[in-house]
């Protein structure tokens, strides 16, 4: 009996210590539950999402961190080991974390998503992925009570093609999902090497807090305004895109909050590093900018050797 009481006391003490942590800034649990759901069917293919929830947590109004994987719209998986680890880590901080599959419309096309892929097909690819992301959002909102989530606090995130998907969805006008609280706009976006075709879609009412990771020497998704993959004008895949620097500049002019995280000389590999290397920045952004309304405009510049041919993007010179 004394042993039982001692063990119970230890459990109560440990439980109190965990609950004393500041939710969304620190880990509140070391346990995470994971479930897979089919959120829609398209083109005779089920599209699934993985839901990560903090274990032994009774919160019923959690923010959602919704992640979209990369892979050039032809590959990648929502459950790659590094993505799973990242999602678990976010969930241990108290978030409901979601990683989705979406239609890989450039898979087995022959032209992929490069300079031989016609620009019109690139735009259609963006639209299809955004449509899937919105369907996943609708599924989450429909099941908000079951999952214990706040539909007004959905933060989008993605890497590379996933970042392009997240950014193209992030600045859309609010959607109506039949909620008494009204239309739903995304609460924030974390983009790792992403871009959009037109910054005109960002205006005072559509702008949301944005954390933008990018390298100045990204030769696939431009850091500023440049052709996608730097295709030449005579190639089918010539499409102007606006990367993180151009998006941040538009937000700056609008007086809207953002955090531009520039790696001087960084290439497209940066699309995969922030989930690990800059996890603390992601947590801080979600907590300060999205959940607590911080209005700052921040530009973090990591020095490095600027060896690419884009002098207008060169923040590495003294």
Protein backbone atom coordinates (compact mmCIF):
# COMPACT_ATOMS: atom_id res chain seq x y z
CA UNK A 1 0.00 0.00 0.00
CA UNK A 2 2.84 2.41 0.86
CA UNK A 3 4.50 1.59 -2.45
CA UNK A 4 1.27 2.34 -4.32
CA UNK A 5 0.91 5.71 -2.55
CA UNK A 6 4.54 6.57 -3.34
CA UNK A 7 4.09 5.76 -7.02
CA UNK A 8 0.84 7.72 -7.13
CA UNK A 9 2.56 10.71 -5.54
CA UNK A 10 5.33 10.61 -8.12
CA UNK A 11 2.80 10.48 -10.97
CA UNK A 12 0.87 13.41 -9.56
CA UNK A 13 4.08 15.39 -9.13
CA UNK A 14 5.24 14.67 -12.67
CA UNK A 15 1.79 15.46 -14.08
CA UNK A 16 1.81 18.80 -12.30
CA UNK A 17 5.28 19.57 -13.63
CA UNK A 18 4.22 18.86 -17.21
CA UNK A 19 1.03 20.93 -16.94
CA UNK A 20 3.06 23.82 -15.54
CA UNK A 21 4.82 24.22 -18.88
CA UNK A 22 3.63 27.05 -21.11
CA UNK A 23 1.45 25.52 -23.80
CA UNK A 24 2.52 26.24 -27.40
CA UNK A 25 5.97 27.45 -26.26
CA UNK A 26 7.19 24.37 -24.38
CA UNK A 27 6.48 20.67 -24.50
CA UNK A 28 3.46 19.86 -22.34
CA UNK A 29 3.61 16.10 -22.79
CA UNK A 30 5.95 13.37 -23.98
CA UNK A 31 3.14 11.36 -25.55
CA UNK A 32 1.48 11.82 -28.95
CA UNK A 33 -1.43 9.94 -30.51
CA UNK A 34 -1.56 9.49 -34.28
CA UNK A 35 -4.60 8.61 -36.40
CA UNK A 36 -5.07 8.44 -40.17
CA UNK A 37 -8.26 9.61 -41.88
CA UNK A 38 -9.43 9.76 -45.49
CA UNK A 39 -10.53 13.34 -45.98
CA UNK A 40 -11.75 13.05 -49.57
CA UNK A 41 -11.63 10.94 -52.74
CA UNK A 42 -10.53 12.45 -56.03
CA UNK A 43 -9.71 10.88 -59.38
CA UNK A 44 -10.64 7.50 -57.87
CA UNK A 45 -7.93 7.97 -55.26
CA UNK A 46 -8.46 8.37 -51.51
CA UNK A 47 -6.56 11.27 -50.00
CA UNK A 48 -5.48 10.75 -46.41
CA UNK A 49 -4.24 12.88 -43.57
CA UNK A 50 -2.42 12.01 -40.38
CA UNK A 51 -3.62 13.72 -37.21
CA UNK A 52 -1.16 14.11 -34.33
CA UNK A 53 -2.61 15.07 -30.94
CA UNK A 54 -0.83 15.65 -27.61
CA UNK A 55 -1.34 12.66 -25.36
CA UNK A 56 -3.30 12.81 -22.11
CA UNK A 57 -4.47 16.33 -22.97
CA UNK A 58 -8.06 17.45 -22.49
CA UNK A 59 -7.84 20.74 -24.39
CA UNK A 60 -10.87 21.19 -26.69
CA UNK A 61 -9.82 24.37 -28.54
CA UNK A 62 -6.37 23.62 -29.96
CA UNK A 63 -4.75 25.56 -32.79
CA UNK A 64 -4.05 23.43 -35.85
CA UNK A 65 -0.68 23.24 -37.58
CA UNK A 66 -1.37 21.84 -41.07
CA UNK A 67 1.69 20.68 -43.03
CA UNK A 68 1.98 20.00 -46.80
CA UNK A 69 4.98 17.96 -47.97
CA UNK A 70 7.24 18.79 -50.91
CA UNK A 71 8.33 16.76 -53.90
CA UNK A 72 7.76 18.80 -57.05
CA UNK A 73 4.10 17.72 -57.21
CA UNK A 74 5.32 14.34 -58.40
CA UNK A 75 6.67 12.69 -55.25
CA UNK A 76 7.06 12.95 -51.52
CA UNK A 77 4.91 11.49 -48.73
CA UNK A 78 3.06 12.96 -45.79
CA UNK A 79 4.59 10.36 -43.45
CA UNK A 80 8.28 10.58 -44.25
CA UNK A 81 10.36 9.99 -41.10
CA UNK A 82 11.53 13.60 -40.77
CA UNK A 83 7.96 14.84 -41.20
CA UNK A 84 6.68 12.43 -38.58
CA UNK A 85 9.31 13.59 -36.09
CA UNK A 86 8.52 17.24 -36.77
CA UNK A 87 4.77 16.68 -36.39
CA UNK A 88 5.24 14.79 -33.12
CA UNK A 89 7.41 17.58 -31.77
CA UNK A 90 4.80 20.21 -32.66
CA UNK A 91 2.06 18.09 -31.07
CA UNK A 92 4.09 17.75 -27.86
CA UNK A 93 3.86 21.54 -27.63
CA UNK A 94 0.06 21.30 -27.55
CA UNK A 95 -0.91 21.74 -31.21
CA UNK A 96 -3.21 19.54 -33.22
CA UNK A 97 -0.87 18.73 -36.10
CA UNK A 98 -1.96 17.49 -39.51
CA UNK A 99 0.10 16.19 -42.42
CA UNK A 100 -1.79 15.63 -45.67
CA UNK A 101 -1.47 13.72 -48.88
CA UNK A 102 -2.64 15.54 -52.01
CA UNK A 103 -2.85 14.80 -55.72
CA UNK A 104 0.60 14.54 -57.30
CA UNK A 105 -0.57 15.73 -60.69
CA UNK A 106 2.92 15.86 -62.22
CA UNK A 107 3.76 12.25 -61.39
CA UNK A 108 4.62 10.13 -64.44
CA UNK A 109 3.94 13.02 -66.84
CA UNK A 110 7.32 12.96 -68.54
CA UNK A 111 7.77 16.71 -68.24
CA UNK A 112 7.60 16.82 -64.44
CA UNK A 113 7.40 20.34 -63.05
CA UNK A 114 10.37 21.85 -64.85
CA UNK A 115 10.93 24.02 -67.89
CA UNK A 116 9.26 21.51 -70.24
CA UNK A 117 6.02 21.64 -68.25
CA UNK A 118 3.77 24.29 -69.84
CA UNK A 119 3.07 27.29 -67.63
CA UNK A 120 -0.69 26.71 -67.85
CA UNK A 121 -0.19 23.20 -66.46
CA UNK A 122 1.93 24.57 -63.63
CA UNK A 123 -0.89 26.92 -62.66
CA UNK A 124 -3.39 24.06 -62.86
CA UNK A 125 -1.09 22.03 -60.59
CA UNK A 126 -1.14 24.78 -57.99
CA UNK A 127 -4.94 24.97 -58.22
CA UNK A 128 -5.40 21.22 -57.76
CA UNK A 129 -3.14 21.12 -54.69
CA UNK A 130 -4.87 24.16 -53.16
CA UNK A 131 -8.25 22.51 -53.75
CA UNK A 132 -7.07 19.40 -51.89
CA UNK A 133 -5.72 21.51 -49.05
CA UNK A 134 -9.05 23.30 -48.75
CA UNK A 135 -10.86 19.96 -48.69
CA UNK A 136 -8.61 18.80 -45.87
CA UNK A 137 -9.41 22.03 -44.04
CA UNK A 138 -13.13 21.42 -44.50
CA UNK A 139 -12.76 17.88 -43.14
CA UNK A 140 -11.00 19.18 -40.04
CA UNK A 141 -13.63 21.84 -39.46
CA UNK A 142 -16.43 19.30 -39.87
CA UNK A 143 -14.79 17.20 -37.15
CA UNK A 144 -13.67 20.09 -34.97
CA UNK A 145 -15.46 18.83 -31.86
CA UNK A 146 -14.15 15.30 -32.29
CA UNK A 147 -10.57 16.54 -32.71
CA UNK A 148 -10.79 19.37 -30.18
CA UNK A 149 -9.62 22.10 -32.55
CA UNK A 150 -10.25 25.79 -33.11
CA UNK A 151 -11.27 26.38 -36.76
CA UNK A 152 -10.25 30.03 -36.51
CA UNK A 153 -6.65 29.10 -35.65
CA UNK A 154 -5.44 26.95 -38.54
CA UNK A 155 -1.80 27.62 -39.43
CA UNK A 156 -0.64 26.42 -42.84
CA UNK A 157 2.86 25.17 -43.50
CA UNK A 158 4.77 23.45 -46.25
CA UNK A 159 8.11 22.78 -47.89
CA UNK A 160 8.94 23.46 -51.56
CA UNK A 161 5.87 22.33 -53.55
CA UNK A 162 4.06 22.14 -50.22
CA UNK A 163 5.10 25.72 -49.46
CA UNK A 164 3.79 26.83 -52.85
CA UNK A 165 0.52 25.08 -52.05
CA UNK A 166 0.30 26.62 -48.58
CA UNK A 167 1.11 30.13 -49.80
CA UNK A 168 -1.36 29.97 -52.69
CA UNK A 169 -4.07 28.95 -50.22
CA UNK A 170 -3.03 31.21 -47.36
CA UNK A 171 -3.98 34.53 -48.94
CA UNK A 172 -7.32 33.42 -50.35
CA UNK A 173 -10.47 35.17 -49.15
CA UNK A 174 -12.16 33.48 -46.15
CA UNK A 175 -14.29 30.43 -46.94
CA UNK A 176 -17.72 29.74 -45.52
CA UNK A 177 -17.96 26.37 -43.77
CA UNK A 178 -21.39 26.83 -42.21
CA UNK A 179 -20.01 27.94 -38.86
CA UNK A 180 -21.97 30.21 -36.55
CA UNK A 181 -18.74 32.14 -36.00
CA UNK A 182 -18.65 33.07 -39.70
CA UNK A 183 -16.18 32.51 -42.56
CA UNK A 184 -12.80 30.96 -41.86
CA UNK A 185 -9.51 32.54 -42.88
CA UNK A 186 -6.22 30.82 -42.21
CA UNK A 187 -4.54 32.26 -39.13
CA UNK A 188 -0.94 32.17 -40.35
CA UNK A 189 1.48 30.50 -42.73
CA UNK A 190 4.98 29.02 -42.40
CA UNK A 191 6.57 28.58 -45.83
CA UNK A 192 9.91 26.88 -46.49
CA UNK A 193 11.15 27.87 -49.96
CA UNK A 194 7.78 28.74 -51.47
CA UNK A 195 6.38 31.25 -53.94
CA UNK A 196 3.17 32.50 -55.56
CA UNK A 197 2.47 33.64 -59.14
CA UNK A 198 0.97 37.01 -58.20
CA UNK A 199 1.36 39.15 -55.08
CA UNK A 200 -1.84 41.03 -56.02
CA UNK A 201 -3.73 38.34 -54.12
CA UNK A 202 -2.15 39.75 -50.94
CA UNK A 203 -4.09 42.82 -49.86
CA UNK A 204 -5.06 44.35 -46.54
CA UNK A 205 -7.94 41.97 -45.86
CA UNK A 206 -6.22 38.79 -47.09
CA UNK A 207 -2.77 39.27 -45.55
CA UNK A 208 -2.01 36.96 -42.62
CA UNK A 209 1.07 36.58 -40.40
CA UNK A 210 3.79 34.88 -42.47
CA UNK A 211 7.04 33.16 -41.57
CA UNK A 212 9.08 32.80 -44.75
CA UNK A 213 12.27 30.72 -44.93
CA UNK A 214 14.32 31.01 -48.11
CA UNK A 215 17.85 30.96 -49.49
CA UNK A 216 19.03 33.70 -51.83
CA UNK A 217 20.53 31.16 -54.25
CA UNK A 218 17.47 28.93 -54.65
CA UNK A 219 17.58 27.98 -58.35
CA UNK A 220 14.20 26.19 -58.35
CA UNK A 221 11.82 28.45 -56.44
CA UNK A 222 13.10 32.03 -56.66
CA UNK A 223 13.85 33.98 -53.51
CA UNK A 224 12.57 37.20 -55.10
CA UNK A 225 10.66 37.74 -58.34
CA UNK A 226 12.05 35.60 -61.15
CA UNK A 227 11.03 32.76 -63.49
CA UNK A 228 10.22 29.43 -61.88
CA UNK A 229 13.35 27.28 -62.10
CA UNK A 230 14.85 30.20 -64.03
CA UNK A 231 13.35 28.90 -67.26
CA UNK A 232 14.02 31.08 -70.30
CA UNK A 233 11.19 32.96 -71.99
CA UNK A 234 11.22 30.63 -74.99
CA UNK A 235 10.62 27.51 -72.86
CA UNK A 236 7.12 26.13 -72.21
CA UNK A 237 7.61 26.28 -68.44
CA UNK A 238 8.41 29.98 -68.28
CA UNK A 239 6.34 31.30 -65.36
CA UNK A 240 7.17 34.28 -63.18
CA UNK A 241 6.95 33.57 -59.46
CA UNK A 242 7.25 35.73 -56.38
CA UNK A 243 9.26 34.12 -53.62
CA UNK A 244 9.69 34.93 -49.95
CA UNK A 245 11.46 38.28 -50.42
CA UNK A 246 8.76 39.55 -52.78
CA UNK A 247 5.97 38.35 -50.47
CA UNK A 248 7.61 40.00 -47.46
CA UNK A 249 8.01 43.24 -49.40
CA UNK A 250 4.28 43.24 -50.21
CA UNK A 251 3.44 42.60 -46.56
CA UNK A 252 5.83 45.37 -45.52
CA UNK A 253 4.09 47.87 -47.76
CA UNK A 254 0.73 46.81 -46.36
CA UNK A 255 1.99 47.21 -42.80
CA UNK A 256 1.22 43.56 -42.03
CA UNK A 257 3.24 41.24 -39.76
CA UNK A 258 5.85 38.91 -41.20
CA UNK A 259 9.15 37.26 -40.38
CA UNK A 260 11.46 36.81 -43.37
CA UNK A 261 14.26 34.37 -42.61
CA UNK A 262 16.96 34.74 -45.27
CA UNK A 263 19.93 32.41 -45.66
CA UNK A 264 22.54 34.12 -47.79
CA UNK A 265 23.80 31.73 -50.45
CA UNK A 266 21.27 29.08 -49.42
CA UNK A 267 19.94 26.84 -52.17
CA UNK A 268 16.71 24.84 -52.47
CA UNK A 269 17.89 22.34 -49.87
CA UNK A 270 16.73 24.93 -47.35
CA UNK A 271 13.17 23.71 -47.99
CA UNK A 272 13.91 20.77 -45.71
CA UNK A 273 16.05 22.27 -42.95
CA UNK A 274 13.81 24.64 -40.93
CA UNK A 275 11.71 21.82 -39.43
CA UNK A 276 14.81 20.74 -37.54
CA UNK A 277 17.32 23.58 -37.60
CA UNK A 278 14.86 26.41 -36.99
CA UNK A 279 12.20 24.67 -34.97
CA UNK A 280 12.42 27.23 -32.17
CA UNK A 281 11.72 30.04 -34.64
CA UNK A 282 8.63 28.20 -35.89
CA UNK A 283 7.34 27.73 -32.34
CA UNK A 284 8.04 31.37 -31.47
CA UNK A 285 6.29 32.63 -34.61
CA UNK A 286 3.18 30.52 -34.03
CA UNK A 287 2.97 31.59 -30.39
CA UNK A 288 3.81 35.28 -30.78
CA UNK A 289 2.50 36.26 -34.21
CA UNK A 290 -0.46 33.94 -34.70
CA UNK A 291 -1.82 33.16 -31.25
CA UNK A 292 -0.90 36.43 -29.54
CA UNK A 293 -1.16 38.96 -32.36
CA UNK A 294 2.40 40.29 -32.56
CA UNK A 295 2.55 42.91 -35.33
CA UNK A 296 6.30 43.08 -35.95
CA UNK A 297 8.04 42.97 -39.30
CA UNK A 298 11.28 41.03 -38.87
CA UNK A 299 14.06 40.18 -41.30
CA UNK A 300 16.60 37.67 -40.01
CA UNK A 301 19.65 37.44 -42.28
CA UNK A 302 22.03 34.51 -41.89
CA UNK A 303 25.36 35.41 -43.55
CA UNK A 304 26.98 33.09 -46.01
CA UNK A 305 28.90 33.03 -49.26
CA UNK A 306 26.64 34.48 -51.94
CA UNK A 307 27.82 32.62 -55.03
CA UNK A 308 24.75 32.80 -57.28
CA UNK A 309 24.06 35.27 -60.07
CA UNK A 310 21.25 37.22 -58.46
CA UNK A 311 22.81 40.49 -57.24
CA UNK A 312 19.42 42.05 -56.48
CA UNK A 313 18.90 39.35 -53.84
CA UNK A 314 22.32 39.71 -52.28
CA UNK A 315 21.96 40.44 -48.56
CA UNK A 316 25.37 38.97 -47.82
CA UNK A 317 27.56 41.94 -48.65
CA UNK A 318 28.81 44.08 -45.78
